[in-house]
Amino acid sequence: MSLNFRLHRLISILALVGILLSALAGCQQLLPMNEPVTITFMYPDIDKGYYEGLLPKFKELYPYITVQLKTYQWFRNRPDLDNVDVYVASSWNNFGEGNLDFNQMLNLDSYISQESSFNPEEFYAGALDAFRKDGQLMAVPYGLDPYVMYYNRQVFKSYNIAAPQPDWTWNEFLQIAQKLTDPAVGTYGYVASEGYPDAFFFLFQHGGRLVDATGSPTLNDPANIAAMEWYSDLYHKYQVAPTHEEAQKAFGYGRDPAVVGIVSGKAGMWAGSLTYRWALQQYVQGAKFDWGMVPLPRDVVAFTGAFFEGYAINKESLYADASWKWIFYLSQQIPERLMPARRPLAESVAYEQRVGREIANATRASMENAILASPDMVDQLGNSFTQFMEAVQNMVDNGVPAREALETAQQKALQP
């Protein structure tokens, strides 16, 4: 091979390289382009502004994907998923007729396996498992909704009482509630939501349980009786909390008189989920007052429960790849209404700046002692939970002794 031939070949190769580099730099039509695609995302209407704010950045990342936003009514049992590609799946729908329908969801394992930055260890305990079916992940959890204790700073200040501390106990809770209760002005130290759902958490804090390891009812367990005697005493012995009827007389009649008492400044403390603060604003437009937040008081153990929400792809979607990109992007953001399901986000400075140090600390501490209201948990408790809540209402509203109410509930739970 002559020297001239070699030089000619080298020049040809260099020229070809130059053409390819030029094409990559300025002739993008030579590169394969992603086809434009439009996906529909359905989410609770309460989060409308949040998701609208996330669209521009996603569009920068994936200009060929257009996301159409579609809302469903918050707390609605079964959103209509026709022509929906991606949606928010919520554990609020675990109860009643609105159970999470895993059969509607696309298995996400194949997508997750391709994401090197998806680290299961980042999620709070149980968050991923709550969305698993037969070992397959059907949705990506993004937000947690722990049950916490709220308090009205204005009421505390008026009685010169210091704010509760994150590691407070039942005894401290009762002492504060007694100081805040003032029949002369109709103020109660503590107010429970209609149906007294907080009793469930107080039960577990005292070491109680509704079923044993085999799933058999244990409603009349001594620990349960002791916990519910204490809870009933809040209403009847110490009178620091109003029954439903007393709340109606003190605060006014409504769908939930406890809410009326809270927003009117007649409640010193009340328990509710993290999202409850948003619900109050929806219930009474423009209702604003200075409230604080701490974990629930502890007894034998520190305990609370948490609802959760995640992003799922409709198995009928024709655009699963684009839908996954939207899900993965959303799961890396800090929710506005919930605390992040990923620990690094929940422990970040950005989360604390968004919600404030007190809320950030309260939710972080709460999740260290929380169980998730997963489908498995709901199935396990089953009728025992229903009978327990009926017993609580008998204790509080009708004055039935805790032992008698729980014995009756145990017999009903044992019936086929």
Protein backbone atom coordinates (compact mmCIF):
# COMPACT_ATOMS: atom_id res chain seq x y z
CA MET A 1 0.00 0.00 0.00
CA SER A 2 1.63 3.31 -1.20
CA LEU A 3 2.15 6.31 1.01
CA ASN A 4 -0.17 8.42 -1.18
CA PHE A 5 -2.95 5.83 -0.82
CA ARG A 6 -2.59 5.80 2.95
CA LEU A 7 -2.72 9.60 3.10
CA HIS A 8 -5.76 9.67 0.86
CA ARG A 9 -7.53 7.10 3.08
CA LEU A 10 -6.69 9.04 6.26
CA ILE A 11 -8.00 12.27 4.76
CA SER A 12 -11.23 10.51 3.76
CA ILE A 13 -11.75 9.14 7.26
CA LEU A 14 -11.12 12.56 8.83
CA ALA A 15 -13.54 14.16 6.40
CA LEU A 16 -16.20 11.59 7.30
CA VAL A 17 -15.66 12.23 11.01
CA GLY A 18 -16.06 15.94 10.40
CA ILE A 19 -19.33 15.38 8.55
CA LEU A 20 -20.69 13.25 11.41
CA LEU A 21 -19.66 15.79 14.04
CA SER A 22 -21.28 18.55 12.02
CA ALA A 23 -24.45 16.52 11.77
CA LEU A 24 -24.52 15.92 15.50
CA ALA A 25 -23.95 19.58 16.24
CA GLY A 26 -26.22 21.29 13.79
CA CYS A 27 -28.22 18.81 11.79
CA GLN A 28 -30.43 17.18 14.38
CA GLN A 29 -32.78 15.94 11.68
CA LEU A 30 -30.29 13.11 11.14
CA LEU A 31 -30.93 11.88 14.72
CA PRO A 32 -33.97 9.78 15.63
CA MET A 33 -36.64 11.96 17.27
CA ASN A 34 -39.15 10.90 19.94
CA GLU A 35 -42.67 11.01 18.62
CA PRO A 36 -44.91 13.59 20.33
CA VAL A 37 -47.22 11.98 22.85
CA THR A 38 -49.96 13.23 25.16
CA ILE A 39 -50.77 11.53 28.46
CA THR A 40 -53.61 12.26 30.87
CA PHE A 41 -52.88 12.50 34.59
CA MET A 42 -55.71 12.31 37.15
CA TYR A 43 -55.22 13.62 40.67
CA PRO A 44 -57.22 15.03 43.64
CA ASP A 45 -58.64 18.46 42.91
CA ILE A 46 -57.13 19.84 46.11
CA ASP A 47 -53.65 19.55 44.49
CA LYS A 48 -54.46 21.45 41.30
CA GLY A 49 -52.03 24.32 41.82
CA TYR A 50 -49.22 21.98 42.88
CA TYR A 51 -49.24 19.89 39.72
CA GLU A 52 -49.73 22.87 37.45
CA GLY A 53 -46.54 24.28 38.93
CA LEU A 54 -44.56 21.13 38.08
CA LEU A 55 -45.48 21.02 34.40
CA PRO A 56 -43.00 23.61 33.02
CA LYS A 57 -39.88 21.86 34.36
CA PHE A 58 -41.08 18.47 33.11
CA LYS A 59 -41.71 19.98 29.68
CA GLU A 60 -38.12 21.20 29.61
CA LEU A 61 -36.89 17.70 30.34
CA TYR A 62 -39.23 15.96 27.92
CA PRO A 63 -40.46 18.44 25.30
CA TYR A 64 -42.15 15.70 23.29
CA ILE A 65 -44.45 14.69 26.20
CA THR A 66 -47.58 16.73 26.87
CA VAL A 67 -49.35 16.10 30.18
CA GLN A 68 -53.04 16.85 30.38
CA LEU A 69 -54.21 17.40 33.93
CA LYS A 70 -57.55 16.01 35.07
CA THR A 71 -58.92 16.22 38.59
CA TYR A 72 -61.15 13.99 40.65
CA GLN A 73 -63.00 14.96 43.80
CA TRP A 74 -60.90 14.55 46.90
CA PHE A 75 -62.01 11.52 48.98
CA ARG A 76 -64.10 10.21 46.10
CA ASN A 77 -64.11 6.42 46.31
CA ARG A 78 -63.71 5.35 42.70
CA PRO A 79 -62.37 7.92 40.23
CA ASP A 80 -63.32 7.24 36.62
CA LEU A 81 -60.10 6.07 34.97
CA ASP A 82 -61.40 5.90 31.39
CA ASN A 83 -58.87 7.52 29.06
CA VAL A 84 -56.50 8.15 31.97
CA ASP A 85 -52.84 7.12 31.71
CA VAL A 86 -51.47 8.03 35.14
CA TYR A 87 -53.30 8.67 38.41
CA VAL A 88 -52.91 9.22 42.11
CA ALA A 89 -53.80 6.10 44.09
CA SER A 90 -54.69 6.85 47.70
CA SER A 91 -55.03 4.67 50.78
CA TRP A 92 -57.98 6.82 51.81
CA ASN A 93 -59.76 4.58 49.34
CA ASN A 94 -58.87 1.42 51.26
CA PHE A 95 -62.05 1.71 53.30
CA GLY A 96 -65.65 1.10 52.31
CA GLU A 97 -66.27 0.34 48.67
CA GLY A 98 -63.26 2.20 47.34
CA ASN A 99 -60.43 -0.27 47.89
CA LEU A 100 -57.25 0.24 45.91
CA ASP A 101 -57.70 -1.76 42.73
CA PHE A 102 -54.33 -3.28 41.90
CA ASN A 103 -55.91 -5.00 38.92
CA GLN A 104 -56.20 -1.57 37.30
CA MET A 105 -52.49 -0.85 37.72
CA LEU A 106 -49.54 -1.67 35.49
CA ASN A 107 -46.68 -3.61 37.06
CA LEU A 108 -43.78 -1.15 37.36
CA ASP A 109 -40.94 -3.57 38.11
CA SER A 110 -39.51 -3.51 34.57
CA TYR A 111 -39.28 0.29 34.64
CA ILE A 112 -37.76 0.43 38.10
CA SER A 113 -35.08 -2.08 37.14
CA GLN A 114 -33.88 0.36 34.48
CA GLU A 115 -33.58 3.30 36.88
CA SER A 116 -30.19 3.20 38.57
CA SER A 117 -31.17 6.12 40.81
CA PHE A 118 -34.26 4.36 42.18
CA ASN A 119 -33.19 3.20 45.63
CA PRO A 120 -35.81 1.22 47.61
CA GLU A 121 -33.86 1.90 50.81
CA GLU A 122 -34.76 5.59 50.56
CA PHE A 123 -38.44 4.99 51.27
CA TYR A 124 -39.98 4.87 54.74
CA ALA A 125 -40.67 1.39 56.06
CA GLY A 126 -43.76 -0.15 54.51
CA ALA A 127 -44.26 2.54 51.86
CA LEU A 128 -43.27 0.34 48.93
CA ASP A 129 -44.87 -2.79 50.37
CA ALA A 130 -48.18 -0.96 50.64
CA PHE A 131 -48.30 -0.87 46.84
CA ARG A 132 -47.11 -4.41 46.17
CA LYS A 133 -49.26 -7.21 44.83
CA ASP A 134 -47.79 -10.72 44.76
CA GLY A 135 -44.35 -9.16 45.13
CA GLN A 136 -44.84 -6.76 42.20
CA LEU A 137 -44.73 -3.01 42.69
CA MET A 138 -47.89 -1.50 41.24
CA ALA A 139 -47.37 2.16 42.17
CA VAL A 140 -44.61 4.45 43.41
CA PRO A 141 -45.39 6.03 46.81
CA TYR A 142 -44.71 9.75 46.91
CA GLY A 143 -46.46 11.10 50.00
CA LEU A 144 -47.32 10.05 53.55
CA ASP A 145 -50.09 11.39 55.74
CA PRO A 146 -49.30 10.61 59.40
CA TYR A 147 -51.79 11.16 62.21
CA VAL A 148 -50.54 13.99 64.45
CA MET A 149 -51.70 16.29 67.23
CA TYR A 150 -52.65 19.88 66.44
CA TYR A 151 -52.92 22.65 69.00
CA ASN A 152 -54.24 26.20 68.91
CA ARG A 153 -51.41 28.53 69.86
CA GLN A 154 -53.80 31.36 70.64
CA VAL A 155 -55.71 29.25 73.15
CA PHE A 156 -52.47 28.06 74.75
CA LYS A 157 -51.23 31.63 75.00
CA SER A 158 -54.47 32.88 76.55
CA TYR A 159 -54.08 30.33 79.38
CA ASN A 160 -50.31 30.89 79.64
CA ILE A 161 -49.54 27.26 78.80
CA ALA A 162 -46.33 26.19 77.06
CA ALA A 163 -46.63 24.31 73.77
CA PRO A 164 -46.52 20.52 74.04
CA GLN A 165 -43.15 18.91 73.37
CA PRO A 166 -42.56 16.20 70.74
CA ASP A 167 -41.86 13.47 73.33
CA TRP A 168 -44.83 14.22 75.61
CA THR A 169 -46.82 11.55 77.44
CA TRP A 170 -50.47 10.72 78.12
CA ASN A 171 -50.20 12.26 81.58
CA GLU A 172 -48.84 15.51 80.17
CA PHE A 173 -51.56 15.51 77.52
CA LEU A 174 -54.27 15.13 80.17
CA GLN A 175 -52.76 17.82 82.40
CA ILE A 176 -52.69 20.29 79.51
CA ALA A 177 -56.23 19.38 78.47
CA GLN A 178 -57.48 20.03 82.00
CA LYS A 179 -55.87 23.47 82.08
CA LEU A 180 -57.38 24.40 78.71
CA THR A 181 -60.91 23.28 79.52
CA ASP A 182 -63.06 26.24 80.52
CA PRO A 183 -66.84 25.65 80.73
CA ALA A 184 -67.42 29.35 81.29
CA VAL A 185 -66.39 30.17 77.72
CA GLY A 186 -67.16 26.79 76.18
CA THR A 187 -63.53 25.85 75.51
CA TYR A 188 -62.41 22.21 75.64
CA GLY A 189 -58.86 21.02 76.06
CA TYR A 190 -59.28 18.33 73.44
CA VAL A 191 -61.79 17.66 70.66
CA ALA A 192 -62.07 14.45 68.64
CA SER A 193 -63.48 14.13 65.13
CA GLU A 194 -66.89 12.57 64.61
CA GLY A 195 -66.79 8.85 65.31
CA TYR A 196 -63.73 9.17 67.59
CA PRO A 197 -61.16 7.63 65.19
CA ASP A 198 -58.32 8.73 67.47
CA ALA A 199 -59.27 5.96 69.92
CA PHE A 200 -57.65 3.45 67.56
CA PHE A 201 -54.24 5.08 68.00
CA PHE A 202 -54.57 5.50 71.76
CA LEU A 203 -55.39 1.78 71.96
CA PHE A 204 -52.14 0.77 70.30
CA GLN A 205 -50.11 3.29 72.31
CA HIS A 206 -51.13 1.43 75.47
CA GLY A 207 -50.02 -1.89 73.99
CA GLY A 208 -53.47 -2.95 72.85
CA ARG A 209 -54.40 -4.81 69.68
CA LEU A 210 -57.54 -5.76 67.79
CA VAL A 211 -56.44 -9.18 66.51
CA ASP A 212 -53.77 -11.71 67.38
CA ALA A 213 -51.15 -13.23 65.08
CA THR A 214 -53.74 -15.59 63.62
CA GLY A 215 -56.21 -12.80 62.90
CA SER A 216 -58.59 -13.77 65.71
CA PRO A 217 -60.33 -10.87 67.52
CA THR A 218 -58.80 -9.70 70.81
CA LEU A 219 -61.12 -6.79 71.56
CA ASN A 220 -61.57 -7.67 75.23
CA ASP A 221 -57.82 -7.88 75.88
CA PRO A 222 -56.95 -6.31 79.28
CA ALA A 223 -54.66 -3.75 77.62
CA ASN A 224 -57.53 -2.69 75.36
CA ILE A 225 -59.89 -2.31 78.30
CA ALA A 226 -57.37 -0.21 80.25
CA ALA A 227 -56.68 2.03 77.24
CA MET A 228 -60.36 2.60 76.54
CA GLU A 229 -61.16 3.26 80.20
CA TRP A 230 -58.60 6.05 80.04
CA TYR A 231 -60.03 7.31 76.76
CA SER A 232 -63.60 7.24 78.08
CA ASP A 233 -62.48 9.14 81.18
CA LEU A 234 -61.45 12.05 78.97
CA TYR A 235 -65.15 12.57 78.27
CA HIS A 236 -66.91 11.44 81.43
CA LYS A 237 -64.53 11.66 84.39
CA TYR A 238 -62.29 14.57 83.48
CA GLN A 239 -64.67 16.17 80.97
CA VAL A 240 -61.82 17.68 78.97
CA ALA A 241 -63.35 16.50 75.67
CA PRO A 242 -66.95 16.84 74.44
CA THR A 243 -69.09 13.98 73.23
CA HIS A 244 -70.69 14.47 69.83
CA GLU A 245 -73.87 15.78 71.47
CA GLU A 246 -71.95 18.09 73.78
CA ALA A 247 -69.94 19.41 70.83
CA GLN A 248 -73.15 20.26 69.01
CA LYS A 249 -74.43 22.20 72.01
CA ALA A 250 -71.11 23.97 72.61
CA PHE A 251 -70.02 24.69 69.04
CA GLY A 252 -73.14 24.54 66.91
CA TYR A 253 -74.76 21.99 64.68
CA GLY A 254 -73.09 20.88 61.48
CA ARG A 255 -71.76 17.91 59.58
CA ASP A 256 -68.97 17.61 62.14
CA PRO A 257 -69.37 19.94 65.13
CA ALA A 258 -65.77 19.24 66.14
CA VAL A 259 -64.61 21.11 63.04
CA VAL A 260 -66.82 24.05 63.99
CA GLY A 261 -65.24 24.10 67.44
CA ILE A 262 -61.73 23.93 66.00
CA VAL A 263 -62.08 26.75 63.50
CA SER A 264 -63.92 28.93 66.02
CA GLY A 265 -61.10 28.67 68.55
CA LYS A 266 -62.98 26.54 71.08
CA ALA A 267 -60.60 23.56 70.91
CA GLY A 268 -57.18 23.57 72.52
CA MET A 269 -55.99 20.36 70.85
CA TRP A 270 -57.25 17.90 68.26
CA ALA A 271 -55.83 14.88 66.44
CA GLY A 272 -55.90 14.47 62.70
CA SER A 273 -53.86 13.56 59.67
CA LEU A 274 -51.30 15.93 58.18
CA THR A 275 -53.77 16.62 55.37
CA TYR A 276 -56.38 17.66 57.94
CA ARG A 277 -54.99 21.19 57.92
CA TRP A 278 -55.98 21.43 54.25
CA ALA A 279 -59.37 19.91 54.93
CA LEU A 280 -60.14 22.60 57.50
CA GLN A 281 -59.47 25.30 54.93
CA GLN A 282 -61.77 23.55 52.48
CA TYR A 283 -64.47 23.09 55.12
CA VAL A 284 -64.52 26.72 56.16
CA GLN A 285 -63.29 29.08 53.47
CA GLY A 286 -60.90 31.64 54.81
CA ALA A 287 -60.65 30.05 58.26
CA LYS A 288 -57.24 30.98 59.62
CA PHE A 289 -55.79 30.69 63.07
CA ASP A 290 -52.39 30.11 64.58
CA TRP A 291 -52.03 26.36 65.04
CA GLY A 292 -49.06 24.16 65.85
CA MET A 293 -48.28 20.48 65.47
CA VAL A 294 -46.56 17.73 67.48
CA PRO A 295 -46.60 13.93 67.36
CA LEU A 296 -49.35 12.15 69.28
CA PRO A 297 -48.60 11.75 72.99
CA ARG A 298 -47.09 8.42 73.94
CA ASP A 299 -47.88 5.88 76.64
CA VAL A 300 -46.37 2.37 76.75
CA VAL A 301 -45.15 2.99 73.20
CA ALA A 302 -45.09 5.85 70.73
CA PHE A 303 -47.47 4.97 67.94
CA THR A 304 -49.45 6.48 65.12
CA GLY A 305 -50.88 5.54 61.77
CA ALA A 306 -50.38 7.00 58.32
CA PHE A 307 -52.26 7.06 55.08
CA PHE A 308 -50.27 7.16 51.86
CA GLU A 309 -50.55 8.11 48.22
CA GLY A 310 -48.70 6.94 45.13
CA TYR A 311 -48.52 7.23 41.37
CA ALA A 312 -49.88 4.40 39.25
CA ILE A 313 -50.05 3.77 35.52
CA ASN A 314 -53.35 2.57 34.14
CA LYS A 315 -52.73 -0.85 32.61
CA GLU A 316 -54.92 0.25 29.68
CA SER A 317 -52.61 3.14 28.84
CA LEU A 318 -51.10 3.18 25.36
CA TYR A 319 -48.24 5.39 26.52
CA ALA A 320 -46.71 3.56 29.45
CA ASP A 321 -43.14 4.69 28.69
CA ALA A 322 -44.06 8.37 28.72
CA SER A 323 -46.25 7.80 31.78
CA TRP A 324 -43.31 6.30 33.64
CA LYS A 325 -41.16 9.35 32.92
CA TRP A 326 -43.88 11.54 34.44
CA ILE A 327 -44.18 9.28 37.49
CA PHE A 328 -40.44 9.14 38.08
CA TYR A 329 -40.19 12.91 37.80
CA LEU A 330 -43.08 13.48 40.22
CA SER A 331 -41.74 11.00 42.77
CA GLN A 332 -38.58 13.10 43.16
CA GLN A 333 -40.50 16.25 44.12
CA ILE A 334 -41.52 17.41 47.61
CA PRO A 335 -45.31 17.16 47.97
CA GLU A 336 -47.21 20.23 49.04
CA ARG A 337 -49.94 18.56 51.10
CA LEU A 338 -48.14 15.42 52.35
CA MET A 339 -44.70 14.60 53.70
CA PRO A 340 -42.33 12.89 51.24
CA ALA A 341 -42.29 9.10 51.16
CA ARG A 342 -38.57 9.23 50.49
CA ARG A 343 -36.43 9.84 53.58
CA PRO A 344 -33.83 12.03 51.83
CA LEU A 345 -36.60 14.40 50.74
CA ALA A 346 -38.34 14.32 54.13
CA GLU A 347 -35.07 15.05 55.91
CA SER A 348 -34.01 17.76 53.48
CA VAL A 349 -33.69 21.46 54.21
CA ALA A 350 -36.05 22.10 51.30
CA TYR A 351 -38.87 20.17 53.00
CA GLU A 352 -38.32 22.05 56.24
CA GLN A 353 -38.37 25.36 54.38
CA ARG A 354 -41.60 24.46 52.65
CA VAL A 355 -43.62 23.41 55.71
CA GLY A 356 -41.72 24.96 58.61
CA ARG A 357 -39.47 23.36 61.21
CA GLU A 358 -42.25 22.37 63.62
CA ILE A 359 -44.27 20.46 61.01
CA ALA A 360 -41.14 18.87 59.56
CA ASN A 361 -40.01 17.66 63.00
CA ALA A 362 -43.49 16.45 63.95
CA THR A 363 -43.97 14.42 60.78
CA ARG A 364 -40.45 12.98 60.82
CA ALA A 365 -40.84 11.85 64.43
CA SER A 366 -44.32 10.46 63.77
CA MET A 367 -43.16 8.28 60.89
CA GLU A 368 -40.59 6.58 63.09
CA ASN A 369 -43.49 4.95 64.99
CA ALA A 370 -46.15 4.61 62.32
CA ILE A 371 -47.94 1.82 60.51
CA LEU A 372 -49.47 2.39 57.10
CA ALA A 373 -53.16 1.85 56.43
CA SER A 374 -52.31 -0.64 53.71
CA PRO A 375 -54.80 -3.05 52.09
CA ASP A 376 -53.18 -5.91 54.01
CA MET A 377 -53.70 -4.13 57.32
CA VAL A 378 -57.31 -3.32 56.50
CA ASP A 379 -57.98 -6.93 55.51
CA GLN A 380 -56.31 -8.20 58.67
CA LEU A 381 -58.36 -6.03 61.00
CA GLY A 382 -61.58 -6.50 59.08
CA ASN A 383 -64.70 -6.78 61.20
CA SER A 384 -62.71 -6.33 64.41
CA PHE A 385 -62.05 -2.72 63.49
CA THR A 386 -65.73 -2.11 62.76
CA GLN A 387 -66.80 -3.61 66.08
CA PHE A 388 -64.13 -1.69 67.96
CA MET A 389 -65.29 1.65 66.57
CA GLU A 390 -68.90 0.82 67.48
CA ALA A 391 -67.75 0.01 71.01
CA VAL A 392 -65.95 3.35 71.27
CA GLN A 393 -69.09 5.24 70.31
CA ASN A 394 -71.06 3.27 72.91
CA MET A 395 -68.51 4.19 75.55
CA VAL A 396 -68.37 7.88 74.72
CA ASP A 397 -71.89 8.68 73.51
CA ASN A 398 -73.87 6.27 75.67
CA GLY A 399 -71.66 5.97 78.74
CA VAL A 400 -71.27 2.19 78.45
CA PRO A 401 -68.30 1.00 80.58
CA ALA A 402 -65.25 0.09 78.51
CA ARG A 403 -65.14 -3.52 79.68
CA GLU A 404 -68.81 -4.10 78.84
CA ALA A 405 -68.56 -2.39 75.45
CA LEU A 406 -65.47 -4.33 74.44
CA GLU A 407 -66.87 -7.67 75.66
CA THR A 408 -69.93 -7.09 73.48
CA ALA A 409 -67.72 -6.10 70.55
CA GLN A 410 -65.63 -9.25 71.00
CA GLN A 411 -68.70 -11.48 70.79
CA LYS A 412 -69.92 -9.71 67.65
CA ALA A 413 -66.47 -9.97 66.05
CA LEU A 414 -66.42 -13.73 66.67
CA GLN A 415 -69.70 -14.25 64.86
CA PRO A 416 -69.35 -15.63 61.32
